[in-house]
All heavy atoms as atom14 arrays in JSON, in Angstrom:
{
  "sequence": "LRGGSEAIHSNQAIAQCIQSGLKQTDLPVEAIQVVETTDRAAVGELI",
  "atom14_mask": [
    [1, 1, 1, 1, 1, 1, 1, 1, 0, 0, 0, 0, 0, 0],
    [1, 1, 1, 1, 1, 1, 1, 1, 1, 1, 1, 0, 0, 0],
    [1, 1, 1, 1, 0, 0, 0, 0, 0, 0, 0, 0, 0, 0],
    [1, 1, 1, 1, 0, 0, 0, 0, 0, 0, 0, 0, 0, 0],
    [1, 1, 1, 1, 1, 1, 0, 0, 0, 0, 0, 0, 0, 0],
    [1, 1, 1, 1, 1, 1, 1, 1, 1, 0, 0, 0, 0, 0],
    [1, 1, 1, 1, 1, 0, 0, 0, 0, 0, 0, 0, 0, 0],
    [1, 1, 1, 1, 1, 1, 1, 1, 0, 0, 0, 0, 0, 0],
    [1, 1, 1, 1, 1, 1, 1, 1, 1, 1, 0, 0, 0, 0],
    [1, 1, 1, 1, 1, 1, 0, 0, 0, 0, 0, 0, 0, 0],
    [1, 1, 1, 1, 1, 1, 1, 1, 0, 0, 0, 0, 0, 0],
    [1, 1, 1, 1, 1, 1, 1, 1, 1, 0, 0, 0, 0, 0],
    [1, 1, 1, 1, 1, 0, 0, 0, 0, 0, 0, 0, 0, 0],
    [1, 1, 1, 1, 1, 1, 1, 1, 0, 0, 0, 0, 0, 0],
    [1, 1, 1, 1, 1, 0, 0, 0, 0, 0, 0, 0, 0, 0],
    [1, 1, 1, 1, 1, 1, 1, 1, 1, 0, 0, 0, 0, 0],
    [1, 1, 1, 1, 1, 1, 0, 0, 0, 0, 0, 0, 0, 0],
    [1, 1, 1, 1, 1, 1, 1, 1, 0, 0, 0, 0, 0, 0],
    [1, 1, 1, 1, 1, 1, 1, 1, 1, 0, 0, 0, 0, 0],
    [1, 1, 1, 1, 1, 1, 0, 0, 0, 0, 0, 0, 0, 0],
    [1, 1, 1, 1, 0, 0, 0, 0, 0, 0, 0, 0, 0, 0],
    [1, 1, 1, 1, 1, 1, 1, 1, 0, 0, 0, 0, 0, 0],
    [1, 1, 1, 1, 1, 1, 1, 1, 1, 0, 0, 0, 0, 0],
    [1, 1, 1, 1, 1, 1, 1, 1, 1, 0, 0, 0, 0, 0],
    [1, 1, 1, 1, 1, 1, 1, 0, 0, 0, 0, 0, 0, 0],
    [1, 1, 1, 1, 1, 1, 1, 1, 0, 0, 0, 0, 0, 0],
    [1, 1, 1, 1, 1, 1, 1, 1, 0, 0, 0, 0, 0, 0],
    [1, 1, 1, 1, 1, 1, 1, 0, 0, 0, 0, 0, 0, 0],
    [1, 1, 1, 1, 1, 1, 1, 0, 0, 0, 0, 0, 0, 0],
    [1, 1, 1, 1, 1, 1, 1, 1, 1, 0, 0, 0, 0, 0],
    [1, 1, 1, 1, 1, 0, 0, 0, 0, 0, 0, 0, 0, 0],
    [1, 1, 1, 1, 1, 1, 1, 1, 0, 0, 0, 0, 0, 0],
    [1, 1, 1, 1, 1, 1, 1, 1, 1, 0, 0, 0, 0, 0],
    [1, 1, 1, 1, 1, 1, 1, 0, 0, 0, 0, 0, 0, 0],
    [1, 1, 1, 1, 1, 1, 1, 0, 0, 0, 0, 0, 0, 0],
    [1, 1, 1, 1, 1, 1, 1, 1, 1, 0, 0, 0, 0, 0],
    [1, 1, 1, 1, 1, 1, 1, 0, 0, 0, 0, 0, 0, 0],
    [1, 1, 1, 1, 1, 1, 1, 0, 0, 0, 0, 0, 0, 0],
    [1, 1, 1, 1, 1, 1, 1, 1, 0, 0, 0, 0, 0, 0],
    [1, 1, 1, 1, 1, 1, 1, 1, 1, 1, 1, 0, 0, 0],
    [1, 1, 1, 1, 1, 0, 0, 0, 0, 0, 0, 0, 0, 0],
    [1, 1, 1, 1, 1, 0, 0, 0, 0, 0, 0, 0, 0, 0],
    [1, 1, 1, 1, 1, 1, 1, 0, 0, 0, 0, 0, 0, 0],
    [1, 1, 1, 1, 0, 0, 0, 0, 0, 0, 0, 0, 0, 0],
    [1, 1, 1, 1, 1, 1, 1, 1, 1, 0, 0, 0, 0, 0],
    [1, 1, 1, 1, 1, 1, 1, 1, 0, 0, 0, 0, 0, 0],
    [1, 1, 1, 1, 1, 1, 1, 1, 0, 0, 0, 0, 0, 0]
  ],
  "atom14_positions": [
    [[-0.53, 1.66, 4.84], [-1.94, 1.34, 4.63], [-2.15, -0.16, 4.53], [-1.47, -0.82, 3.73], [-2.43, 2.0, 3.33], [-2.42, 3.53, 3.35], [-2.04, 4.08, 1.96], [-3.79, 4.07, 3.73], [0.0, 0.0, 0.0], [0.0, 0.0, 0.0], [0.0, 0.0, 0.0], [0.0, 0.0, 0.0], [0.0, 0.0, 0.0], [0.0, 0.0, 0.0]],
    [[-3.05, -0.66, 5.34], [-3.35, -2.09, 5.27], [-4.86, -2.25, 5.01], [-5.67, -2.1, 5.92], [-2.94, -2.77, 6.58], [-2.73, -4.29, 6.46], [-4.01, -5.05, 6.41], [-3.82, -6.51, 6.4], [-4.78, -7.39, 6.36], [-6.06, -7.0, 6.3], [-4.53, -8.68, 6.35], [0.0, 0.0, 0.0], [0.0, 0.0, 0.0], [0.0, 0.0, 0.0]],
    [[-5.22, -2.53, 3.78], [-6.61, -2.71, 3.41], [-7.07, -4.14, 3.64], [-6.28, -5.04, 3.92], [0.0, 0.0, 0.0], [0.0, 0.0, 0.0], [0.0, 0.0, 0.0], [0.0, 0.0, 0.0], [0.0, 0.0, 0.0], [0.0, 0.0, 0.0], [0.0, 0.0, 0.0], [0.0, 0.0, 0.0], [0.0, 0.0, 0.0], [0.0, 0.0, 0.0]],
    [[-8.36, -4.35, 3.52], [-8.93, -5.66, 3.72], [-8.63, -6.6, 2.58], [-8.4, -6.19, 1.43], [0.0, 0.0, 0.0], [0.0, 0.0, 0.0], [0.0, 0.0, 0.0], [0.0, 0.0, 0.0], [0.0, 0.0, 0.0], [0.0, 0.0, 0.0], [0.0, 0.0, 0.0], [0.0, 0.0, 0.0], [0.0, 0.0, 0.0], [0.0, 0.0, 0.0]],
    [[-8.6, -7.88, 2.88], [-8.28, -8.89, 1.86], [-9.32, -8.87, 0.73], [-9.0, -9.2, -0.42], [-8.21, -10.29, 2.49], [-9.44, -10.61, 3.11], [0.0, 0.0, 0.0], [0.0, 0.0, 0.0], [0.0, 0.0, 0.0], [0.0, 0.0, 0.0], [0.0, 0.0, 0.0], [0.0, 0.0, 0.0], [0.0, 0.0, 0.0], [0.0, 0.0, 0.0]],
    [[-10.57, -8.48, 1.03], [-11.6, -8.46, 0.01], [-11.37, -7.4, -1.06], [-11.97, -7.44, -2.13], [-12.99, -8.25, 0.67], [-13.2, -6.89, 1.29], [-12.64, -6.79, 2.71], [-11.95, -7.72, 3.15], [-12.9, -5.76, 3.35], [0.0, 0.0, 0.0], [0.0, 0.0, 0.0], [0.0, 0.0, 0.0], [0.0, 0.0, 0.0], [0.0, 0.0, 0.0]],
    [[-10.46, -6.42, -0.78], [-10.21, -5.35, -1.73], [-8.74, -5.35, -2.2], [-8.27, -4.34, -2.71], [-10.54, -3.98, -1.1], [0.0, 0.0, 0.0], [0.0, 0.0, 0.0], [0.0, 0.0, 0.0], [0.0, 0.0, 0.0], [0.0, 0.0, 0.0], [0.0, 0.0, 0.0], [0.0, 0.0, 0.0], [0.0, 0.0, 0.0], [0.0, 0.0, 0.0]],
    [[-8.07, -6.46, -2.11], [-6.64, -6.51, -2.37], [-6.28, -6.09, -3.78], [-5.33, -5.32, -3.99], [-6.06, -7.94, -2.06], [-4.54, -7.94, -2.21], [-6.73, -9.0, -2.92], [-3.81, -7.07, -1.2], [0.0, 0.0, 0.0], [0.0, 0.0, 0.0], [0.0, 0.0, 0.0], [0.0, 0.0, 0.0], [0.0, 0.0, 0.0], [0.0, 0.0, 0.0]],
    [[-7.04, -6.52, -4.8], [-6.73, -6.16, -6.17], [-6.94, -4.66, -6.41], [-6.09, -4.0, -7.01], [-7.59, -6.96, -7.15], [-7.34, -8.44, -7.11], [-8.1, -9.29, -6.34], [-6.4, -9.2, -7.7], [-7.65, -10.53, -6.47], [-6.62, -10.51, -7.31], [0.0, 0.0, 0.0], [0.0, 0.0, 0.0], [0.0, 0.0, 0.0], [0.0, 0.0, 0.0]],
    [[-8.02, -4.14, -5.87], [-8.32, -2.69, -6.04], [-7.27, -1.85, -5.33], [-6.76, -0.87, -5.87], [-9.7, -2.37, -5.44], [-10.7, -3.18, -6.02], [0.0, 0.0, 0.0], [0.0, 0.0, 0.0], [0.0, 0.0, 0.0], [0.0, 0.0, 0.0], [0.0, 0.0, 0.0], [0.0, 0.0, 0.0], [0.0, 0.0, 0.0], [0.0, 0.0, 0.0]],
    [[-6.92, -2.24, -4.09], [-5.95, -1.47, -3.31], [-4.57, -1.46, -3.98], [-3.89, -0.42, -3.99], [-5.84, -2.05, -1.89], [-7.11, -1.8, -1.08], [-7.84, -0.89, -1.36], [-7.32, -2.62, -0.06], [0.0, 0.0, 0.0], [0.0, 0.0, 0.0], [0.0, 0.0, 0.0], [0.0, 0.0, 0.0], [0.0, 0.0, 0.0], [0.0, 0.0, 0.0]],
    [[-4.15, -2.59, -4.52], [-2.84, -2.65, -5.14], [-2.83, -1.82, -6.43], [-1.82, -1.18, -6.77], [-2.46, -4.1, -5.46], [-2.18, -4.94, -4.21], [-1.06, -4.38, -3.37], [-0.06, -3.87, -3.84], [-1.24, -4.45, -2.04], [0.0, 0.0, 0.0], [0.0, 0.0, 0.0], [0.0, 0.0, 0.0], [0.0, 0.0, 0.0], [0.0, 0.0, 0.0]],
    [[-3.97, -1.77, -7.15], [-4.04, -0.96, -8.36], [-3.97, 0.52, -7.99], [-3.27, 1.32, -8.69], [-5.33, -1.25, -9.1], [0.0, 0.0, 0.0], [0.0, 0.0, 0.0], [0.0, 0.0, 0.0], [0.0, 0.0, 0.0], [0.0, 0.0, 0.0], [0.0, 0.0, 0.0], [0.0, 0.0, 0.0], [0.0, 0.0, 0.0], [0.0, 0.0, 0.0]],
    [[-4.64, 0.93, -6.95], [-4.56, 2.32, -6.48], [-3.16, 2.64, -5.99], [-2.6, 3.71, -6.25], [-5.61, 2.6, -5.39], [-7.01, 2.45, -5.97], [-5.45, 4.0, -4.81], [-8.12, 2.44, -4.92], [0.0, 0.0, 0.0], [0.0, 0.0, 0.0], [0.0, 0.0, 0.0], [0.0, 0.0, 0.0], [0.0, 0.0, 0.0], [0.0, 0.0, 0.0]],
    [[-2.56, 1.68, -5.31], [-1.17, 1.87, -4.84], [-0.21, 2.11, -5.99], [0.73, 2.93, -5.86], [-0.72, 0.63, -4.03], [0.0, 0.0, 0.0], [0.0, 0.0, 0.0], [0.0, 0.0, 0.0], [0.0, 0.0, 0.0], [0.0, 0.0, 0.0], [0.0, 0.0, 0.0], [0.0, 0.0, 0.0], [0.0, 0.0, 0.0], [0.0, 0.0, 0.0]],
    [[-0.44, 1.44, -7.09], [0.41, 1.65, -8.27], [0.29, 3.08, -8.77], [1.27, 3.7, -9.18], [0.05, 0.66, -9.37], [0.48, -0.79, -9.09], [1.98, -0.93, -8.95], [2.75, -0.38, -9.73], [2.4, -1.66, -7.92], [0.0, 0.0, 0.0], [0.0, 0.0, 0.0], [0.0, 0.0, 0.0], [0.0, 0.0, 0.0], [0.0, 0.0, 0.0]],
    [[-0.92, 3.61, -8.74], [-1.12, 5.01, -9.14], [-0.38, 5.95, -8.21], [0.26, 6.94, -8.66], [-2.63, 5.37, -9.13], [-3.63, 4.47, -10.34], [0.0, 0.0, 0.0], [0.0, 0.0, 0.0], [0.0, 0.0, 0.0], [0.0, 0.0, 0.0], [0.0, 0.0, 0.0], [0.0, 0.0, 0.0], [0.0, 0.0, 0.0], [0.0, 0.0, 0.0]],
    [[-0.43, 5.67, -6.92], [0.25, 6.5, -5.94], [1.76, 6.44, -6.12], [2.44, 7.5, -6.15], [-0.13, 6.05, -4.51], [-1.62, 6.32, -4.25], [0.75, 6.75, -3.46], [-2.14, 5.68, -2.98], [0.0, 0.0, 0.0], [0.0, 0.0, 0.0], [0.0, 0.0, 0.0], [0.0, 0.0, 0.0], [0.0, 0.0, 0.0], [0.0, 0.0, 0.0]],
    [[2.28, 5.24, -6.31], [3.73, 5.1, -6.47], [4.18, 5.79, -7.76], [5.21, 6.46, -7.78], [4.11, 3.62, -6.52], [3.93, 2.88, -5.2], [4.86, 3.39, -4.11], [6.08, 3.4, -4.3], [4.3, 3.82, -3.01], [0.0, 0.0, 0.0], [0.0, 0.0, 0.0], [0.0, 0.0, 0.0], [0.0, 0.0, 0.0], [0.0, 0.0, 0.0]],
    [[3.41, 5.64, -8.81], [3.73, 6.3, -10.08], [3.75, 7.81, -9.92], [4.65, 8.5, -10.44], [2.71, 5.87, -11.14], [2.98, 6.52, -12.37], [0.0, 0.0, 0.0], [0.0, 0.0, 0.0], [0.0, 0.0, 0.0], [0.0, 0.0, 0.0], [0.0, 0.0, 0.0], [0.0, 0.0, 0.0], [0.0, 0.0, 0.0], [0.0, 0.0, 0.0]],
    [[2.79, 8.34, -9.16], [2.75, 9.77, -8.94], [3.94, 10.27, -8.14], [4.54, 11.3, -8.45], [0.0, 0.0, 0.0], [0.0, 0.0, 0.0], [0.0, 0.0, 0.0], [0.0, 0.0, 0.0], [0.0, 0.0, 0.0], [0.0, 0.0, 0.0], [0.0, 0.0, 0.0], [0.0, 0.0, 0.0], [0.0, 0.0, 0.0], [0.0, 0.0, 0.0]],
    [[4.3, 9.52, -7.08], [5.43, 9.93, -6.22], [6.74, 9.89, -7.0], [7.62, 10.74, -6.75], [5.5, 9.02, -4.99], [4.42, 9.23, -3.92], [4.53, 8.16, -2.85], [4.53, 10.62, -3.3], [0.0, 0.0, 0.0], [0.0, 0.0, 0.0], [0.0, 0.0, 0.0], [0.0, 0.0, 0.0], [0.0, 0.0, 0.0], [0.0, 0.0, 0.0]],
    [[6.9, 8.93, -7.89], [8.14, 8.83, -8.66], [8.38, 10.02, -9.55], [9.52, 10.27, -9.96], [8.13, 7.53, -9.49], [8.33, 6.27, -8.65], [8.19, 5.0, -9.51], [8.31, 3.75, -8.65], [8.1, 2.51, -9.46], [0.0, 0.0, 0.0], [0.0, 0.0, 0.0], [0.0, 0.0, 0.0], [0.0, 0.0, 0.0], [0.0, 0.0, 0.0]],
    [[7.31, 10.74, -9.86], [7.43, 11.93, -10.74], [7.73, 13.19, -9.93], [7.74, 14.29, -10.47], [6.15, 12.12, -11.54], [5.84, 10.96, -12.49], [4.51, 11.1, -13.19], [4.24, 12.14, -13.8], [3.66, 10.08, -13.11], [0.0, 0.0, 0.0], [0.0, 0.0, 0.0], [0.0, 0.0, 0.0], [0.0, 0.0, 0.0], [0.0, 0.0, 0.0]],
    [[7.96, 13.04, -8.61], [8.25, 14.19, -7.75], [9.55, 13.91, -7.0], [10.21, 12.89, -7.19], [7.13, 14.41, -6.73], [7.15, 13.34, -5.77], [5.78, 14.43, -7.41], [0.0, 0.0, 0.0], [0.0, 0.0, 0.0], [0.0, 0.0, 0.0], [0.0, 0.0, 0.0], [0.0, 0.0, 0.0], [0.0, 0.0, 0.0], [0.0, 0.0, 0.0]],
    [[9.91, 14.87, -6.13], [11.12, 14.71, -5.32], [10.82, 14.07, -3.97], [11.71, 13.98, -3.11], [11.78, 16.09, -5.09], [12.34, 16.68, -6.37], [12.76, 15.88, -7.24], [12.34, 17.91, -6.5], [0.0, 0.0, 0.0], [0.0, 0.0, 0.0], [0.0, 0.0, 0.0], [0.0, 0.0, 0.0], [0.0, 0.0, 0.0], [0.0, 0.0, 0.0]],
    [[9.59, 13.6, -3.76], [9.23, 13.01, -2.49], [9.57, 11.51, -2.49], [9.55, 10.85, -3.55], [7.75, 13.21, -2.21], [7.25, 14.65, -2.15], [5.76, 14.68, -1.83], [8.04, 15.44, -1.11], [0.0, 0.0, 0.0], [0.0, 0.0, 0.0], [0.0, 0.0, 0.0], [0.0, 0.0, 0.0], [0.0, 0.0, 0.0], [0.0, 0.0, 0.0]],
    [[9.89, 10.95, -1.31], [10.23, 9.52, -1.25], [9.01, 8.62, -1.52], [7.93, 8.89, -1.02], [10.72, 9.33, 0.19], [10.08, 10.45, 0.97], [9.97, 11.61, 0.02], [0.0, 0.0, 0.0], [0.0, 0.0, 0.0], [0.0, 0.0, 0.0], [0.0, 0.0, 0.0], [0.0, 0.0, 0.0], [0.0, 0.0, 0.0], [0.0, 0.0, 0.0]],
    [[9.24, 7.6, -2.35], [8.14, 6.69, -2.64], [7.71, 5.9, -1.38], [6.59, 5.42, -1.3], [8.51, 5.69, -3.77], [8.67, 6.42, -5.09], [9.75, 4.88, -3.4], [0.0, 0.0, 0.0], [0.0, 0.0, 0.0], [0.0, 0.0, 0.0], [0.0, 0.0, 0.0], [0.0, 0.0, 0.0], [0.0, 0.0, 0.0], [0.0, 0.0, 0.0]],
    [[8.6, 5.83, -0.39], [8.28, 5.14, 0.85], [7.36, 5.97, 1.74], [6.94, 5.51, 2.81], [9.55, 4.79, 1.62], [10.47, 3.83, 0.93], [11.39, 4.53, -0.07], [11.4, 5.8, -0.08], [12.08, 3.85, -0.83], [0.0, 0.0, 0.0], [0.0, 0.0, 0.0], [0.0, 0.0, 0.0], [0.0, 0.0, 0.0], [0.0, 0.0, 0.0]],
    [[7.02, 7.18, 1.3], [6.12, 8.02, 2.11], [4.75, 7.39, 2.23], [4.03, 7.61, 3.22], [6.02, 9.41, 1.5], [0.0, 0.0, 0.0], [0.0, 0.0, 0.0], [0.0, 0.0, 0.0], [0.0, 0.0, 0.0], [0.0, 0.0, 0.0], [0.0, 0.0, 0.0], [0.0, 0.0, 0.0], [0.0, 0.0, 0.0], [0.0, 0.0, 0.0]],
    [[4.31, 6.65, 1.19], [3.02, 5.99, 1.2], [3.25, 4.53, 0.8], [3.62, 4.24, -0.32], [2.04, 6.65, 0.24], [1.86, 8.13, 0.59], [0.7, 5.92, 0.25], [1.15, 8.93, -0.48], [0.0, 0.0, 0.0], [0.0, 0.0, 0.0], [0.0, 0.0, 0.0], [0.0, 0.0, 0.0], [0.0, 0.0, 0.0], [0.0, 0.0, 0.0]],
    [[3.05, 3.62, 1.74], [3.27, 2.2, 1.48], [1.98, 1.43, 1.76], [1.33, 1.64, 2.78], [4.39, 1.65, 2.37], [5.75, 2.36, 2.13], [6.81, 1.82, 3.05], [7.55, 0.89, 2.71], [6.92, 2.4, 4.24], [0.0, 0.0, 0.0], [0.0, 0.0, 0.0], [0.0, 0.0, 0.0], [0.0, 0.0, 0.0], [0.0, 0.0, 0.0]],
    [[1.62, 0.56, 0.81], [0.45, -0.26, 0.96], [0.91, -1.7, 1.23], [1.7, -2.27, 0.46], [-0.44, -0.23, -0.29], [-1.65, -1.15, -0.14], [-0.9, 1.21, -0.56], [0.0, 0.0, 0.0], [0.0, 0.0, 0.0], [0.0, 0.0, 0.0], [0.0, 0.0, 0.0], [0.0, 0.0, 0.0], [0.0, 0.0, 0.0], [0.0, 0.0, 0.0]],
    [[0.46, -2.26, 2.35], [0.85, -3.63, 2.73], [0.37, -4.6, 1.65], [-0.8, -4.59, 1.27], [0.27, -3.99, 4.1], [0.6, -5.45, 4.46], [0.8, -3.04, 5.18], [0.0, 0.0, 0.0], [0.0, 0.0, 0.0], [0.0, 0.0, 0.0], [0.0, 0.0, 0.0], [0.0, 0.0, 0.0], [0.0, 0.0, 0.0], [0.0, 0.0, 0.0]],
    [[1.28, -5.43, 1.18], [0.95, -6.31, 0.02], [0.39, -7.66, 0.44], [-0.17, -8.37, -0.38], [2.22, -6.51, -0.82], [2.69, -5.22, -1.47], [3.94, -5.43, -2.33], [4.46, -6.57, -2.34], [4.39, -4.47, -2.96], [0.0, 0.0, 0.0], [0.0, 0.0, 0.0], [0.0, 0.0, 0.0], [0.0, 0.0, 0.0], [0.0, 0.0, 0.0]],
    [[0.52, -8.01, 1.71], [0.04, -9.32, 2.15], [-1.36, -9.2, 2.74], [-1.74, -8.17, 3.3], [0.97, -9.94, 3.21], [0.44, -11.19, 3.64], [1.11, -9.02, 4.44], [0.0, 0.0, 0.0], [0.0, 0.0, 0.0], [0.0, 0.0, 0.0], [0.0, 0.0, 0.0], [0.0, 0.0, 0.0], [0.0, 0.0, 0.0], [0.0, 0.0, 0.0]],
    [[-2.17, -10.27, 2.59], [-3.49, -10.33, 3.2], [-3.45, -11.06, 4.53], [-4.47, -11.24, 5.19], [-4.49, -11.01, 2.27], [-4.03, -12.34, 1.98], [-4.67, -10.24, 0.96], [0.0, 0.0, 0.0], [0.0, 0.0, 0.0], [0.0, 0.0, 0.0], [0.0, 0.0, 0.0], [0.0, 0.0, 0.0], [0.0, 0.0, 0.0], [0.0, 0.0, 0.0]],
    [[-2.26, -11.48, 4.95], [-2.08, -12.19, 6.23], [-2.5, -11.28, 7.39], [-1.99, -10.15, 7.53], [-0.62, -12.63, 6.39], [-0.43, -13.61, 7.52], [-1.14, -13.49, 8.55], [0.44, -14.5, 7.41], [0.0, 0.0, 0.0], [0.0, 0.0, 0.0], [0.0, 0.0, 0.0], [0.0, 0.0, 0.0], [0.0, 0.0, 0.0], [0.0, 0.0, 0.0]],
    [[-3.41, -11.74, 8.21], [-3.93, -10.92, 9.31], [-2.86, -10.6, 10.36], [-2.98, -9.66, 11.13], [-5.11, -11.6, 9.99], [-6.37, -11.64, 9.14], [-7.56, -12.06, 9.93], [-8.8, -11.96, 9.15], [-10.02, -12.13, 9.67], [-10.14, -12.43, 10.95], [-11.07, -12.0, 8.9], [0.0, 0.0, 0.0], [0.0, 0.0, 0.0], [0.0, 0.0, 0.0]],
    [[-1.79, -11.4, 10.34], [-0.7, -11.14, 11.29], [-0.07, -9.79, 11.04], [0.52, -9.17, 11.95], [0.35, -12.26, 11.18], [0.0, 0.0, 0.0], [0.0, 0.0, 0.0], [0.0, 0.0, 0.0], [0.0, 0.0, 0.0], [0.0, 0.0, 0.0], [0.0, 0.0, 0.0], [0.0, 0.0, 0.0], [0.0, 0.0, 0.0], [0.0, 0.0, 0.0]],
    [[-0.21, -9.3, 9.81], [0.36, -7.97, 9.5], [-0.28, -6.86, 10.33], [0.35, -5.89, 10.74], [0.19, -7.67, 8.01], [0.0, 0.0, 0.0], [0.0, 0.0, 0.0], [0.0, 0.0, 0.0], [0.0, 0.0, 0.0], [0.0, 0.0, 0.0], [0.0, 0.0, 0.0], [0.0, 0.0, 0.0], [0.0, 0.0, 0.0], [0.0, 0.0, 0.0]],
    [[-1.61, -7.03, 10.59], [-2.29, -6.04, 11.43], [-1.74, -6.06, 12.83], [-1.48, -5.01, 13.44], [-3.81, -6.33, 11.46], [-4.52, -5.4, 12.43], [-4.4, -6.18, 10.05], [0.0, 0.0, 0.0], [0.0, 0.0, 0.0], [0.0, 0.0, 0.0], [0.0, 0.0, 0.0], [0.0, 0.0, 0.0], [0.0, 0.0, 0.0], [0.0, 0.0, 0.0]],
    [[-1.53, -7.27, 13.39], [-0.96, -7.38, 14.72], [0.38, -6.74, 14.86], [0.7, -6.11, 15.88], [0.0, 0.0, 0.0], [0.0, 0.0, 0.0], [0.0, 0.0, 0.0], [0.0, 0.0, 0.0], [0.0, 0.0, 0.0], [0.0, 0.0, 0.0], [0.0, 0.0, 0.0], [0.0, 0.0, 0.0], [0.0, 0.0, 0.0], [0.0, 0.0, 0.0]],
    [[1.18, -6.86, 13.82], [2.52, -6.22, 13.85], [2.41, -4.7, 13.75], [3.06, -3.96, 14.47], [3.37, -6.74, 12.68], [3.78, -8.21, 12.81], [4.65, -8.47, 14.02], [5.46, -7.59, 14.38], [4.53, -9.56, 14.61], [0.0, 0.0, 0.0], [0.0, 0.0, 0.0], [0.0, 0.0, 0.0], [0.0, 0.0, 0.0], [0.0, 0.0, 0.0]],
    [[1.54, -4.24, 12.85], [1.43, -2.78, 12.6], [1.0, -2.04, 13.86], [1.49, -0.92, 14.1], [0.42, -2.56, 11.47], [0.22, -1.11, 11.0], [1.52, -0.5, 10.53], [-0.83, -1.06, 9.91], [0.0, 0.0, 0.0], [0.0, 0.0, 0.0], [0.0, 0.0, 0.0], [0.0, 0.0, 0.0], [0.0, 0.0, 0.0], [0.0, 0.0, 0.0]],
    [[0.1, -2.62, 14.64], [-0.41, -1.92, 15.81], [0.46, -2.06, 17.05], [0.16, -1.5, 18.11], [-1.85, -2.36, 16.13], [-1.91, -3.82, 16.55], [-2.78, -2.09, 14.96], [-3.28, -4.31, 16.96], [0.0, 0.0, 0.0], [0.0, 0.0, 0.0], [0.0, 0.0, 0.0], [0.0, 0.0, 0.0], [0.0, 0.0, 0.0], [0.0, 0.0, 0.0]]
  ]
}
């Protein structure tokens, strides 16, 4: 998941909830990853 730079704090907080939830199960935490950088180059790489 790569959210917009304008929502970076909100997205990272939600990501923490997701990671915390996954850690309490047998599923890999890497199943849901939120890109931590606001660098637009990340979009170019992802696509």
